Amino acid sequence: YQRRVHGDIQLEMECPRCKNPYGKESKTPLLLIKCGHSVCQACAYVLFQSKSITCPECTIVSYIEAISQLPKNMALLSVSLTGLPAKAAKSKNSEAKEDKREVGRVIFGEQGQIHSK
């Protein structure tokens, strides 16, 4: 069971059906419309029957005409590929720019302490 921890949040990083980690191409996580859970693209094709997919997590049925109607779960894909949420990965690349813009901003610490930048 693969999980990544970011702060206090544990993130499920694998398809609930095949237990393989999400990734690009056939392992891209697709969002099930009715329940909000995700399955990899390969499993979506296996689960697709009579214009519906039953979620392997909660058994709620999503009715669709084709697999192409299921949106990619880009947030989950970003986390699975980088280990960081999309916003954190993006901001990590621009920390130097961010530091210049944070001058004069007030930041609250974990225990409620106030820090100025």
PDB file of N, CA and C in Angstrom:
ATOM      1  N   TYR A   1       0.856  -1.174   0.000  1.00  0.00           N
ATOM      2  CA  TYR A   1       0.000   0.000   0.000  1.00  0.00           C
ATOM      3  C   TYR A   1       0.890   1.220   0.000  1.00  0.00           C
ATOM      4  N   GLN A   2       0.860   2.005  -1.048  1.00  0.00           N
ATOM      5  CA  GLN A   2       1.744   3.159  -1.150  1.00  0.00           C
ATOM      6  C   GLN A   2       1.015   4.412  -0.696  1.00  0.00           C
ATOM      7  N   ARG A   3       1.593   5.087   0.262  1.00  0.00           N
ATOM      8  CA  ARG A   3       1.045   6.355   0.740  1.00  0.00           C
ATOM      9  C   ARG A   3       2.185   7.343   0.847  1.00  0.00           C
ATOM     10  N   ARG A   4       1.886   8.574   0.586  1.00  0.00           N
ATOM     11  CA  ARG A   4       2.852   9.644   0.802  1.00  0.00           C
ATOM     12  C   ARG A   4       2.268  10.562   1.845  1.00  0.00           C
ATOM     13  N   VAL A   5       3.126  11.120   2.666  1.00  0.00           N
ATOM     14  CA  VAL A   5       2.676  12.018   3.707  1.00  0.00           C
ATOM     15  C   VAL A   5       3.186  13.405   3.378  1.00  0.00           C
ATOM     16  N   HIS A   6       2.291  14.368   3.351  1.00  0.00           N
ATOM     17  CA  HIS A   6       2.642  15.775   3.148  1.00  0.00           C
ATOM     18  C   HIS A   6       2.025  16.528   4.313  1.00  0.00           C
ATOM     19  N   GLY A   7       2.850  16.957   5.247  1.00  0.00           N
ATOM     20  CA  GLY A   7       2.322  17.552   6.463  1.00  0.00           C
ATOM     21  C   GLY A   7       1.605  16.490   7.259  1.00  0.00           C
ATOM     22  N   ASP A   8       0.369  16.761   7.622  1.00  0.00           N
ATOM     23  CA  ASP A   8      -0.453  15.798   8.364  1.00  0.00           C
ATOM     24  C   ASP A   8      -1.368  15.000   7.448  1.00  0.00           C
ATOM     25  N   ILE A   9      -1.226  15.175   6.135  1.00  0.00           N
ATOM     26  CA  ILE A   9      -2.147  14.548   5.195  1.00  0.00           C
ATOM     27  C   ILE A   9      -1.517  13.306   4.588  1.00  0.00           C
ATOM     28  N   GLN A  10      -2.202  12.179   4.686  1.00  0.00           N
ATOM     29  CA  GLN A  10      -1.764  10.968   3.999  1.00  0.00           C
ATOM     30  C   GLN A  10      -2.493  10.906   2.675  1.00  0.00           C
ATOM     31  N   LEU A  11      -1.761  10.703   1.618  1.00  0.00           N
ATOM     32  CA  LEU A  11      -2.336  10.692   0.287  1.00  0.00           C
ATOM     33  C   LEU A  11      -2.297   9.297  -0.300  1.00  0.00           C
ATOM     34  N   GLU A  12      -3.435   8.821  -0.781  1.00  0.00           N
ATOM     35  CA  GLU A  12      -3.506   7.536  -1.460  1.00  0.00           C
ATOM     36  C   GLU A  12      -2.873   7.730  -2.837  1.00  0.00           C
ATOM     37  N   MET A  13      -1.867   6.943  -3.148  1.00  0.00           N
ATOM     38  CA  MET A  13      -1.122   7.137  -4.381  1.00  0.00           C
ATOM     39  C   MET A  13      -1.243   5.958  -5.333  1.00  0.00           C
ATOM     40  N   GLU A  14      -2.270   5.131  -5.151  1.00  0.00           N
ATOM     41  CA  GLU A  14      -2.419   3.968  -6.008  1.00  0.00           C
ATOM     42  C   GLU A  14      -3.877   3.734  -6.342  1.00  0.00           C
ATOM     43  N   CYS A  15      -4.080   3.040  -7.436  1.00  0.00           N
ATOM     44  CA  CYS A  15      -5.430   2.693  -7.876  1.00  0.00           C
ATOM     45  C   CYS A  15      -6.041   1.711  -6.871  1.00  0.00           C
ATOM     46  N   PRO A  16      -7.272   1.955  -6.436  1.00  0.00           N
ATOM     47  CA  PRO A  16      -7.877   1.055  -5.454  1.00  0.00           C
ATOM     48  C   PRO A  16      -8.197  -0.333  -6.018  1.00  0.00           C
ATOM     49  N   ARG A  17      -8.257  -0.459  -7.348  1.00  0.00           N
ATOM     50  CA  ARG A  17      -8.573  -1.764  -7.949  1.00  0.00           C
ATOM     51  C   ARG A  17      -7.326  -2.610  -8.145  1.00  0.00           C
ATOM     52  N   CYS A  18      -6.318  -2.077  -8.857  1.00  0.00           N
ATOM     53  CA  CYS A  18      -5.138  -2.885  -9.196  1.00  0.00           C
ATOM     54  C   CYS A  18      -3.981  -2.704  -8.210  1.00  0.00           C
ATOM     55  N   LYS A  19      -4.075  -1.694  -7.353  1.00  0.00           N
ATOM     56  CA  LYS A  19      -3.060  -1.394  -6.335  1.00  0.00           C
ATOM     57  C   LYS A  19      -1.720  -0.937  -6.930  1.00  0.00           C
ATOM     58  N   ASN A  20      -1.694  -0.580  -8.210  1.00  0.00           N
ATOM     59  CA  ASN A  20      -0.489  -0.040  -8.832  1.00  0.00           C
ATOM     60  C   ASN A  20      -0.449   1.463  -8.627  1.00  0.00           C
ATOM     61  N   PRO A  21       0.737   2.036  -8.497  1.00  0.00           N
ATOM     62  CA  PRO A  21       0.838   3.494  -8.307  1.00  0.00           C
ATOM     63  C   PRO A  21       0.351   4.242  -9.551  1.00  0.00           C
ATOM     64  N   TYR A  22      -0.265   5.398  -9.314  1.00  0.00           N
ATOM     65  CA  TYR A  22      -0.690   6.246 -10.423  1.00  0.00           C
ATOM     66  C   TYR A  22       0.542   6.790 -11.135  1.00  0.00           C
ATOM     67  N   GLY A  23       0.378   7.077 -12.404  1.00  0.00           N
ATOM     68  CA  GLY A  23       1.456   7.639 -13.202  1.00  0.00           C
ATOM     69  C   GLY A  23       0.906   8.103 -14.529  1.00  0.00           C
ATOM     70  N   LYS A  24       1.766   8.217 -15.493  1.00  0.00           N
ATOM     71  CA  LYS A  24       1.351   8.676 -16.818  1.00  0.00           C
ATOM     72  C   LYS A  24       0.802   7.511 -17.633  1.00  0.00           C
ATOM     73  N   GLU A  25       0.205   7.861 -18.749  1.00  0.00           N
ATOM     74  CA  GLU A  25      -0.342   6.927 -19.737  1.00  0.00           C
ATOM     75  C   GLU A  25      -1.441   6.052 -19.140  1.00  0.00           C
ATOM     76  N   SER A  26      -1.311   4.737 -19.146  1.00  0.00           N
ATOM     77  CA  SER A  26      -2.421   3.873 -18.724  1.00  0.00           C
ATOM     78  C   SER A  26      -2.671   3.933 -17.211  1.00  0.00           C
ATOM     79  N   LYS A  27      -1.755   4.509 -16.451  1.00  0.00           N
ATOM     80  CA  LYS A  27      -1.930   4.604 -15.001  1.00  0.00           C
ATOM     81  C   LYS A  27      -2.373   6.010 -14.561  1.00  0.00           C
ATOM     82  N   THR A  28      -2.796   6.833 -15.528  1.00  0.00           N
ATOM     83  CA  THR A  28      -3.313   8.162 -15.213  1.00  0.00           C
ATOM     84  C   THR A  28      -4.592   8.015 -14.393  1.00  0.00           C
ATOM     85  N   PRO A  29      -4.695   8.714 -13.251  1.00  0.00           N
ATOM     86  CA  PRO A  29      -5.923   8.602 -12.453  1.00  0.00           C
ATOM     87  C   PRO A  29      -7.081   9.340 -13.124  1.00  0.00           C
ATOM     88  N   LEU A  30      -8.209   8.653 -13.262  1.00  0.00           N
ATOM     89  CA  LEU A  30      -9.421   9.249 -13.807  1.00  0.00           C
ATOM     90  C   LEU A  30     -10.436   9.406 -12.682  1.00  0.00           C
ATOM     91  N   LEU A  31     -11.113  10.536 -12.679  1.00  0.00           N
ATOM     92  CA  LEU A  31     -12.057  10.873 -11.616  1.00  0.00           C
ATOM     93  C   LEU A  31     -13.430  10.295 -11.924  1.00  0.00           C
ATOM     94  N   LEU A  32     -13.949   9.495 -11.012  1.00  0.00           N
ATOM     95  CA  LEU A  32     -15.294   8.943 -11.159  1.00  0.00           C
ATOM     96  C   LEU A  32     -16.300  10.038 -10.787  1.00  0.00           C
ATOM     97  N   ILE A  33     -17.192  10.330 -11.687  1.00  0.00           N
ATOM     98  CA  ILE A  33     -18.047  11.513 -11.609  1.00  0.00           C
ATOM     99  C   ILE A  33     -18.978  11.524 -10.390  1.00  0.00           C
ATOM    100  N   LYS A  34     -19.607  10.427 -10.076  1.00  0.00           N
ATOM    101  CA  LYS A  34     -20.614  10.406  -8.998  1.00  0.00           C
ATOM    102  C   LYS A  34     -20.021  10.472  -7.586  1.00  0.00           C
ATOM    103  N   CYS A  35     -18.920   9.750  -7.344  1.00  0.00           N
ATOM    104  CA  CYS A  35     -18.417   9.637  -5.970  1.00  0.00           C
ATOM    105  C   CYS A  35     -17.159  10.455  -5.699  1.00  0.00           C
ATOM    106  N   GLY A  36     -16.402  10.797  -6.746  1.00  0.00           N
ATOM    107  CA  GLY A  36     -15.186  11.575  -6.546  1.00  0.00           C
ATOM    108  C   GLY A  36     -13.931  10.744  -6.327  1.00  0.00           C
ATOM    109  N   HIS A  37     -14.061   9.425  -6.249  1.00  0.00           N
ATOM    110  CA  HIS A  37     -12.870   8.571  -6.155  1.00  0.00           C
ATOM    111  C   HIS A  37     -12.203   8.495  -7.524  1.00  0.00           C
ATOM    112  N   SER A  38     -10.998   7.963  -7.571  1.00  0.00           N
ATOM    113  CA  SER A  38     -10.273   7.809  -8.829  1.00  0.00           C
ATOM    114  C   SER A  38      -9.865   6.365  -9.044  1.00  0.00           C
ATOM    115  N   VAL A  39      -9.715   5.999 -10.307  1.00  0.00           N
ATOM    116  CA  VAL A  39      -9.140   4.708 -10.715  1.00  0.00           C
ATOM    117  C   VAL A  39      -8.185   5.001 -11.861  1.00  0.00           C
ATOM    118  N   CYS A  40      -7.214   4.112 -12.076  1.00  0.00           N
ATOM    119  CA  CYS A  40      -6.295   4.316 -13.190  1.00  0.00           C
ATOM    120  C   CYS A  40      -7.036   4.070 -14.503  1.00  0.00           C
ATOM    121  N   GLN A  41      -6.502   4.626 -15.567  1.00  0.00           N
ATOM    122  CA  GLN A  41      -7.144   4.512 -16.870  1.00  0.00           C
ATOM    123  C   GLN A  41      -7.314   3.054 -17.300  1.00  0.00           C
ATOM    124  N   ALA A  42      -6.308   2.221 -17.040  1.00  0.00           N
ATOM    125  CA  ALA A  42      -6.386   0.804 -17.411  1.00  0.00           C
ATOM    126  C   ALA A  42      -7.556   0.121 -16.705  1.00  0.00           C
ATOM    127  N   CYS A  43      -7.725   0.391 -15.424  1.00  0.00           N
ATOM    128  CA  CYS A  43      -8.833  -0.217 -14.679  1.00  0.00           C
ATOM    129  C   CYS A  43     -10.183   0.360 -15.095  1.00  0.00           C
ATOM    130  N   ALA A  44     -10.214   1.628 -15.482  1.00  0.00           N
ATOM    131  CA  ALA A  44     -11.469   2.221 -15.952  1.00  0.00           C
ATOM    132  C   ALA A  44     -12.002   1.448 -17.153  1.00  0.00           C
ATOM    133  N   TYR A  45     -11.107   1.059 -18.064  1.00  0.00           N
ATOM    134  CA  TYR A  45     -11.542   0.275 -19.222  1.00  0.00           C
ATOM    135  C   TYR A  45     -12.060  -1.109 -18.811  1.00  0.00           C
ATOM    136  N   VAL A  46     -11.447  -1.700 -17.797  1.00  0.00           N
ATOM    137  CA  VAL A  46     -11.895  -3.015 -17.316  1.00  0.00           C
ATOM    138  C   VAL A  46     -13.250  -2.892 -16.616  1.00  0.00           C
ATOM    139  N   LEU A  47     -13.432  -1.821 -15.844  1.00  0.00           N
ATOM    140  CA  LEU A  47     -14.656  -1.626 -15.064  1.00  0.00           C
ATOM    141  C   LEU A  47     -15.841  -1.125 -15.889  1.00  0.00           C
ATOM    142  N   PHE A  48     -15.567  -0.551 -17.046  1.00  0.00           N
ATOM    143  CA  PHE A  48     -16.618   0.042 -17.885  1.00  0.00           C
ATOM    144  C   PHE A  48     -17.506  -1.041 -18.498  1.00  0.00           C
ATOM    145  N   GLN A  49     -18.768  -1.044 -18.097  1.00  0.00           N
ATOM    146  CA  GLN A  49     -19.735  -2.030 -18.611  1.00  0.00           C
ATOM    147  C   GLN A  49     -21.094  -1.361 -18.740  1.00  0.00           C
ATOM    148  N   SER A  50     -21.738  -1.562 -19.864  1.00  0.00           N
ATOM    149  CA  SER A  50     -23.092  -1.048 -20.099  1.00  0.00           C
ATOM    150  C   SER A  50     -23.219   0.438 -19.767  1.00  0.00           C
ATOM    151  N   LYS A  51     -22.265   1.211 -20.259  1.00  0.00           N
ATOM    152  CA  LYS A  51     -22.256   2.670 -20.071  1.00  0.00           C
ATOM    153  C   LYS A  51     -22.212   3.084 -18.608  1.00  0.00           C
ATOM    154  N   SER A  52     -21.512   2.314 -17.777  1.00  0.00           N
ATOM    155  CA  SER A  52     -21.372   2.670 -16.368  1.00  0.00           C
ATOM    156  C   SER A  52     -20.071   2.092 -15.802  1.00  0.00           C
ATOM    157  N   ILE A  53     -19.641   2.692 -14.704  1.00  0.00           N
ATOM    158  CA  ILE A  53     -18.470   2.209 -13.947  1.00  0.00           C
ATOM    159  C   ILE A  53     -18.876   2.169 -12.486  1.00  0.00           C
ATOM    160  N   THR A  54     -18.638   1.039 -11.839  1.00  0.00           N
ATOM    161  CA  THR A  54     -18.877   0.914 -10.403  1.00  0.00           C
ATOM    162  C   THR A  54     -17.566   1.165  -9.682  1.00  0.00           C
ATOM    163  N   CYS A  55     -17.593   2.102  -8.756  1.00  0.00           N
ATOM    164  CA  CYS A  55     -16.383   2.462  -8.007  1.00  0.00           C
ATOM    165  C   CYS A  55     -15.927   1.291  -7.135  1.00  0.00           C
ATOM    166  N   PRO A  56     -14.643   0.914  -7.231  1.00  0.00           N
ATOM    167  CA  PRO A  56     -14.147  -0.176  -6.389  1.00  0.00           C
ATOM    168  C   PRO A  56     -13.995   0.217  -4.919  1.00  0.00           C
ATOM    169  N   GLU A  57     -14.031   1.514  -4.628  1.00  0.00           N
ATOM    170  CA  GLU A  57     -13.921   1.987  -3.236  1.00  0.00           C
ATOM    171  C   GLU A  57     -15.269   1.949  -2.520  1.00  0.00           C
ATOM    172  N   CYS A  58     -16.305   2.503  -3.164  1.00  0.00           N
ATOM    173  CA  CYS A  58     -17.576   2.693  -2.462  1.00  0.00           C
ATOM    174  C   CYS A  58     -18.777   2.065  -3.174  1.00  0.00           C
ATOM    175  N   THR A  59     -18.581   1.488  -4.321  1.00  0.00           N
ATOM    176  CA  THR A  59     -19.584   0.816  -5.152  1.00  0.00           C
ATOM    177  C   THR A  59     -20.663   1.740  -5.734  1.00  0.00           C
ATOM    178  N   ILE A  60     -20.457   3.041  -5.688  1.00  0.00           N
ATOM    179  CA  ILE A  60     -21.385   3.969  -6.343  1.00  0.00           C
ATOM    180  C   ILE A  60     -21.155   3.874  -7.846  1.00  0.00           C
ATOM    181  N   VAL A  61     -22.238   3.894  -8.599  1.00  0.00           N
ATOM    182  CA  VAL A  61     -22.166   3.736 -10.056  1.00  0.00           C
ATOM    183  C   VAL A  61     -22.163   5.106 -10.733  1.00  0.00           C
ATOM    184  N   SER A  62     -21.191   5.334 -11.631  1.00  0.00           N
ATOM    185  CA  SER A  62     -21.144   6.526 -12.475  1.00  0.00           C
ATOM    186  C   SER A  62     -21.591   6.121 -13.865  1.00  0.00           C
ATOM    187  N   TYR A  63     -22.589   6.809 -14.403  1.00  0.00           N
ATOM    188  CA  TYR A  63     -23.095   6.505 -15.746  1.00  0.00           C
ATOM    189  C   TYR A  63     -22.443   7.448 -16.751  1.00  0.00           C
ATOM    190  N   ILE A  64     -21.778   6.862 -17.752  1.00  0.00           N
ATOM    191  CA  ILE A  64     -21.089   7.635 -18.787  1.00  0.00           C
ATOM    192  C   ILE A  64     -21.258   6.932 -20.128  1.00  0.00           C
ATOM    193  N   GLU A  65     -21.123   7.682 -21.187  1.00  0.00           N
ATOM    194  CA  GLU A  65     -21.203   7.119 -22.538  1.00  0.00           C
ATOM    195  C   GLU A  65     -19.880   6.478 -22.948  1.00  0.00           C
ATOM    196  N   ALA A  66     -18.765   7.079 -22.505  1.00  0.00           N
ATOM    197  CA  ALA A  66     -17.439   6.597 -22.896  1.00  0.00           C
ATOM    198  C   ALA A  66     -16.418   6.965 -21.816  1.00  0.00           C
ATOM    199  N   ILE A  67     -15.327   6.237 -21.749  1.00  0.00           N
ATOM    200  CA  ILE A  67     -14.251   6.502 -20.782  1.00  0.00           C
ATOM    201  C   ILE A  67     -13.714   7.923 -20.955  1.00  0.00           C
ATOM    202  N   SER A  68     -13.719   8.416 -22.183  1.00  0.00           N
ATOM    203  CA  SER A  68     -13.188   9.764 -22.446  1.00  0.00           C
ATOM    204  C   SER A  68     -13.968  10.849 -21.708  1.00  0.00           C
ATOM    205  N   GLN A  69     -15.134  10.549 -21.174  1.00  0.00           N
ATOM    206  CA  GLN A  69     -15.902  11.512 -20.387  1.00  0.00           C
ATOM    207  C   GLN A  69     -15.377  11.662 -18.961  1.00  0.00           C
ATOM    208  N   LEU A  70     -14.546  10.735 -18.527  1.00  0.00           N
ATOM    209  CA  LEU A  70     -13.987  10.831 -17.167  1.00  0.00           C
ATOM    210  C   LEU A  70     -12.789  11.780 -17.195  1.00  0.00           C
ATOM    211  N   PRO A  71     -12.828  12.841 -16.392  1.00  0.00           N
ATOM    212  CA  PRO A  71     -11.708  13.776 -16.386  1.00  0.00           C
ATOM    213  C   PRO A  71     -10.482  13.187 -15.688  1.00  0.00           C
ATOM    214  N   LYS A  72      -9.299  13.604 -16.134  1.00  0.00           N
ATOM    215  CA  LYS A  72      -8.071  13.213 -15.444  1.00  0.00           C
ATOM    216  C   LYS A  72      -8.055  13.908 -14.095  1.00  0.00           C
ATOM    217  N   ASN A  73      -7.622  13.202 -13.075  1.00  0.00           N
ATOM    218  CA  ASN A  73      -7.470  13.801 -11.748  1.00  0.00           C
ATOM    219  C   ASN A  73      -6.070  14.412 -11.709  1.00  0.00           C
ATOM    220  N   MET A  74      -5.961  15.648 -12.199  1.00  0.00           N
ATOM    221  CA  MET A  74      -4.660  16.295 -12.352  1.00  0.00           C
ATOM    222  C   MET A  74      -3.970  16.556 -11.010  1.00  0.00           C
ATOM    223  N   ALA A  75      -4.733  16.841  -9.988  1.00  0.00           N
ATOM    224  CA  ALA A  75      -4.135  17.071  -8.666  1.00  0.00           C
ATOM    225  C   ALA A  75      -3.474  15.791  -8.162  1.00  0.00           C
ATOM    226  N   LEU A  76      -4.175  14.690  -8.267  1.00  0.00           N
ATOM    227  CA  LEU A  76      -3.625  13.405  -7.821  1.00  0.00           C
ATOM    228  C   LEU A  76      -2.438  12.988  -8.694  1.00  0.00           C
ATOM    229  N   LEU A  77      -2.521  13.235  -9.983  1.00  0.00           N
ATOM    230  CA  LEU A  77      -1.418  12.912 -10.883  1.00  0.00           C
ATOM    231  C   LEU A  77      -0.182  13.720 -10.521  1.00  0.00           C
ATOM    232  N   SER A  78      -0.358  14.998 -10.249  1.00  0.00           N
ATOM    233  CA  SER A  78       0.763  15.859  -9.879  1.00  0.00           C
ATOM    234  C   SER A  78       1.442  15.371  -8.607  1.00  0.00           C
ATOM    235  N   VAL A  79       0.637  15.029  -7.613  1.00  0.00           N
ATOM    236  CA  VAL A  79       1.190  14.538  -6.347  1.00  0.00           C
ATOM    237  C   VAL A  79       1.914  13.213  -6.548  1.00  0.00           C
ATOM    238  N   SER A  80       1.336  12.332  -7.344  1.00  0.00           N
ATOM    239  CA  SER A  80       1.948  11.015  -7.533  1.00  0.00           C
ATOM    240  C   SER A  80       3.260  11.109  -8.299  1.00  0.00           C
ATOM    241  N   LEU A  81       3.391  12.088  -9.200  1.00  0.00           N
ATOM    242  CA  LEU A  81       4.619  12.220  -9.986  1.00  0.00           C
ATOM    243  C   LEU A  81       5.701  13.018  -9.273  1.00  0.00           C
ATOM    244  N   THR A  82       5.309  14.022  -8.466  1.00  0.00           N
ATOM    245  CA  THR A  82       6.299  14.891  -7.830  1.00  0.00           C
ATOM    246  C   THR A  82       6.441  14.659  -6.335  1.00  0.00           C
ATOM    247  N   GLY A  83       5.428  14.068  -5.719  1.00  0.00           N
ATOM    248  CA  GLY A  83       5.456  13.896  -4.273  1.00  0.00           C
ATOM    249  C   GLY A  83       4.939  15.118  -3.533  1.00  0.00           C
ATOM    250  N   LEU A  84       4.600  16.177  -4.275  1.00  0.00           N
ATOM    251  CA  LEU A  84       4.083  17.408  -3.675  1.00  0.00           C
ATOM    252  C   LEU A  84       2.780  17.791  -4.352  1.00  0.00           C
ATOM    253  N   PRO A  85       1.882  18.450  -3.620  1.00  0.00           N
ATOM    254  CA  PRO A  85       0.698  18.980  -4.288  1.00  0.00           C
ATOM    255  C   PRO A  85       1.107  19.943  -5.391  1.00  0.00           C
ATOM    256  N   ALA A  86       0.279  20.091  -6.404  1.00  0.00           N
ATOM    257  CA  ALA A  86       0.608  20.914  -7.569  1.00  0.00           C
ATOM    258  C   ALA A  86       1.033  22.320  -7.176  1.00  0.00           C
ATOM    259  N   LYS A  87       0.340  22.957  -6.253  1.00  0.00           N
ATOM    260  CA  LYS A  87       0.658  24.313  -5.841  1.00  0.00           C
ATOM    261  C   LYS A  87       2.020  24.370  -5.156  1.00  0.00           C
ATOM    262  N   ALA A  88       2.320  23.370  -4.309  1.00  0.00           N
ATOM    263  CA  ALA A  88       3.602  23.336  -3.611  1.00  0.00           C
ATOM    264  C   ALA A  88       4.743  23.104  -4.588  1.00  0.00           C
ATOM    265  N   ALA A  89       4.548  22.212  -5.554  1.00  0.00           N
ATOM    266  CA  ALA A  89       5.583  21.944  -6.549  1.00  0.00           C
ATOM    267  C   ALA A  89       5.850  23.180  -7.388  1.00  0.00           C
ATOM    268  N   LYS A  90       4.792  23.895  -7.749  1.00  0.00           N
ATOM    269  CA  LYS A  90       4.931  25.095  -8.554  1.00  0.00           C
ATOM    270  C   LYS A  90       5.638  26.193  -7.765  1.00  0.00           C
ATOM    271  N   SER A  91       5.256  26.371  -6.493  1.00  0.00           N
ATOM    272  CA  SER A  91       5.845  27.434  -5.695  1.00  0.00           C
ATOM    273  C   SER A  91       7.284  27.122  -5.309  1.00  0.00           C
ATOM    274  N   LYS A  92       7.628  25.829  -5.207  1.00  0.00           N
ATOM    275  CA  LYS A  92       8.993  25.454  -4.877  1.00  0.00           C
ATOM    276  C   LYS A  92       9.963  25.947  -5.945  1.00  0.00           C
ATOM    277  N   ASN A  93       9.511  25.927  -7.209  1.00  0.00           N
ATOM    278  CA  ASN A  93      10.349  26.376  -8.308  1.00  0.00           C
ATOM    279  C   ASN A  93      10.518  27.887  -8.335  1.00  0.00           C
ATOM    280  N   SER A  94       9.632  28.613  -7.699  1.00  0.00           N
ATOM    281  CA  SER A  94       9.711  30.069  -7.748  1.00  0.00           C
ATOM    282  C   SER A  94       9.902  30.680  -6.363  1.00  0.00           C
ATOM    283  N   GLU A  95      10.593  29.970  -5.454  1.00  0.00           N
ATOM    284  CA  GLU A  95      10.790  30.476  -4.090  1.00  0.00           C
ATOM    285  C   GLU A  95      11.540  31.799  -4.068  1.00  0.00           C
ATOM    286  N   ALA A  96      12.539  31.944  -4.903  1.00  0.00           N
ATOM    287  CA  ALA A  96      13.314  33.180  -4.927  1.00  0.00           C
ATOM    288  C   ALA A  96      12.422  34.363  -5.266  1.00  0.00           C
ATOM    289  N   LYS A  97      11.548  34.206  -6.242  1.00  0.00           N
ATOM    290  CA  LYS A  97      10.616  35.265  -6.623  1.00  0.00           C
ATOM    291  C   LYS A  97       9.644  35.546  -5.487  1.00  0.00           C
ATOM    292  N   GLU A  98       9.158  34.502  -4.840  1.00  0.00           N
ATOM    293  CA  GLU A  98       8.205  34.649  -3.747  1.00  0.00           C
ATOM    294  C   GLU A  98       8.816  35.430  -2.585  1.00  0.00           C
ATOM    295  N   ASP A  99      10.094  35.144  -2.260  1.00  0.00           N
ATOM    296  CA  ASP A  99      10.747  35.828  -1.146  1.00  0.00           C
ATOM    297  C   ASP A  99      10.731  37.339  -1.340  1.00  0.00           C
ATOM    298  N   LYS A 100      10.943  37.800  -2.556  1.00  0.00           N
ATOM    299  CA  LYS A 100      10.956  39.231  -2.832  1.00  0.00           C
ATOM    300  C   LYS A 100       9.578  39.843  -2.633  1.00  0.00           C
ATOM    301  N   ARG A 101       8.517  39.104  -2.930  1.00  0.00           N
ATOM    302  CA  ARG A 101       7.160  39.622  -2.812  1.00  0.00           C
ATOM    303  C   ARG A 101       6.612  39.529  -1.391  1.00  0.00           C
ATOM    304  N   GLU A 102       7.275  38.789  -0.511  1.00  0.00           N
ATOM    305  CA  GLU A 102       6.769  38.602   0.847  1.00  0.00           C
ATOM    306  C   GLU A 102       7.211  39.696   1.811  1.00  0.00           C
ATOM    307  N   VAL A 103       7.957  40.653   1.366  1.00  0.00           N
ATOM    308  CA  VAL A 103       8.428  41.729   2.237  1.00  0.00           C
ATOM    309  C   VAL A 103       7.228  42.473   2.796  1.00  0.00           C
ATOM    310  N   GLY A 104       7.184  42.616   4.120  1.00  0.00           N
ATOM    311  CA  GLY A 104       6.115  43.333   4.783  1.00  0.00           C
ATOM    312  C   GLY A 104       4.882  42.496   5.080  1.00  0.00           C
ATOM    313  N   ARG A 105       4.854  41.257   4.667  1.00  0.00           N
ATOM    314  CA  ARG A 105       3.707  40.396   4.909  1.00  0.00           C
ATOM    315  C   ARG A 105       3.799  39.774   6.295  1.00  0.00           C
ATOM    316  N   VAL A 106       2.690  39.632   6.982  1.00  0.00           N
ATOM    317  CA  VAL A 106       2.657  39.027   8.310  1.00  0.00           C
ATOM    318  C   VAL A 106       2.325  37.550   8.151  1.00  0.00           C
ATOM    319  N   ILE A 107       3.106  36.705   8.835  1.00  0.00           N
ATOM    320  CA  ILE A 107       2.904  35.263   8.778  1.00  0.00           C
ATOM    321  C   ILE A 107       2.655  34.742  10.179  1.00  0.00           C
ATOM    322  N   PHE A 108       1.623  33.905  10.342  1.00  0.00           N
ATOM    323  CA  PHE A 108       1.312  33.312  11.626  1.00  0.00           C
ATOM    324  C   PHE A 108       1.953  31.941  11.707  1.00  0.00           C
ATOM    325  N   GLY A 109       2.691  31.674  12.797  1.00  0.00           N
ATOM    326  CA  GLY A 109       3.344  30.392  12.999  1.00  0.00           C
ATOM    327  C   GLY A 109       2.387  29.347  13.515  1.00  0.00           C
ATOM    328  N   GLU A 110       2.934  28.131  13.752  1.00  0.00           N
ATOM    329  CA  GLU A 110       2.115  27.010  14.192  1.00  0.00           C
ATOM    330  C   GLU A 110       1.418  27.253  15.514  1.00  0.00           C
ATOM    331  N   GLN A 111       2.085  27.922  16.446  1.00  0.00           N
ATOM    332  CA  GLN A 111       1.514  28.153  17.771  1.00  0.00           C
ATOM    333  C   GLN A 111       0.829  29.518  17.862  1.00  0.00           C
ATOM    334  N   GLY A 112       0.597  30.170  16.714  1.00  0.00           N
ATOM    335  CA  GLY A 112      -0.066  31.448  16.713  1.00  0.00           C
ATOM    336  C   GLY A 112       0.888  32.618  16.835  1.00  0.00           C
ATOM    337  N   GLN A 113       2.212  32.341  16.843  1.00  0.00           N
ATOM    338  CA  GLN A 113       3.169  33.442  16.903  1.00  0.00           C
ATOM    339  C   GLN A 113       3.105  34.228  15.607  1.00  0.00           C
ATOM    340  N   ILE A 114       3.378  35.515  15.717  1.00  0.00           N
ATOM    341  CA  ILE A 114       3.359  36.373  14.539  1.00  0.00           C
ATOM    342  C   ILE A 114       4.795  36.630  14.112  1.00  0.00           C
ATOM    343  N   HIS A 115       5.057  36.412  12.831  1.00  0.00           N
ATOM    344  CA  HIS A 115       6.377  36.644  12.256  1.00  0.00           C
ATOM    345  C   HIS A 115       6.197  37.657  11.129  1.00  0.00           C
ATOM    346  N   SER A 116       7.120  38.590  11.025  1.00  0.00           N
ATOM    347  CA  SER A 116       7.073  39.545   9.925  1.00  0.00           C
ATOM    348  C   SER A 116       8.187  39.236   8.968  1.00  0.00           C
ATOM    349  N   LYS A 117       7.911  39.460   7.710  1.00  0.00           N
ATOM    350  CA  LYS A 117       8.948  39.292   6.678  1.00  0.00           C
ATOM    351  C   LYS A 117       9.181  40.604   6.009  1.00  0.00           C
TER     352      LYS A 117
END
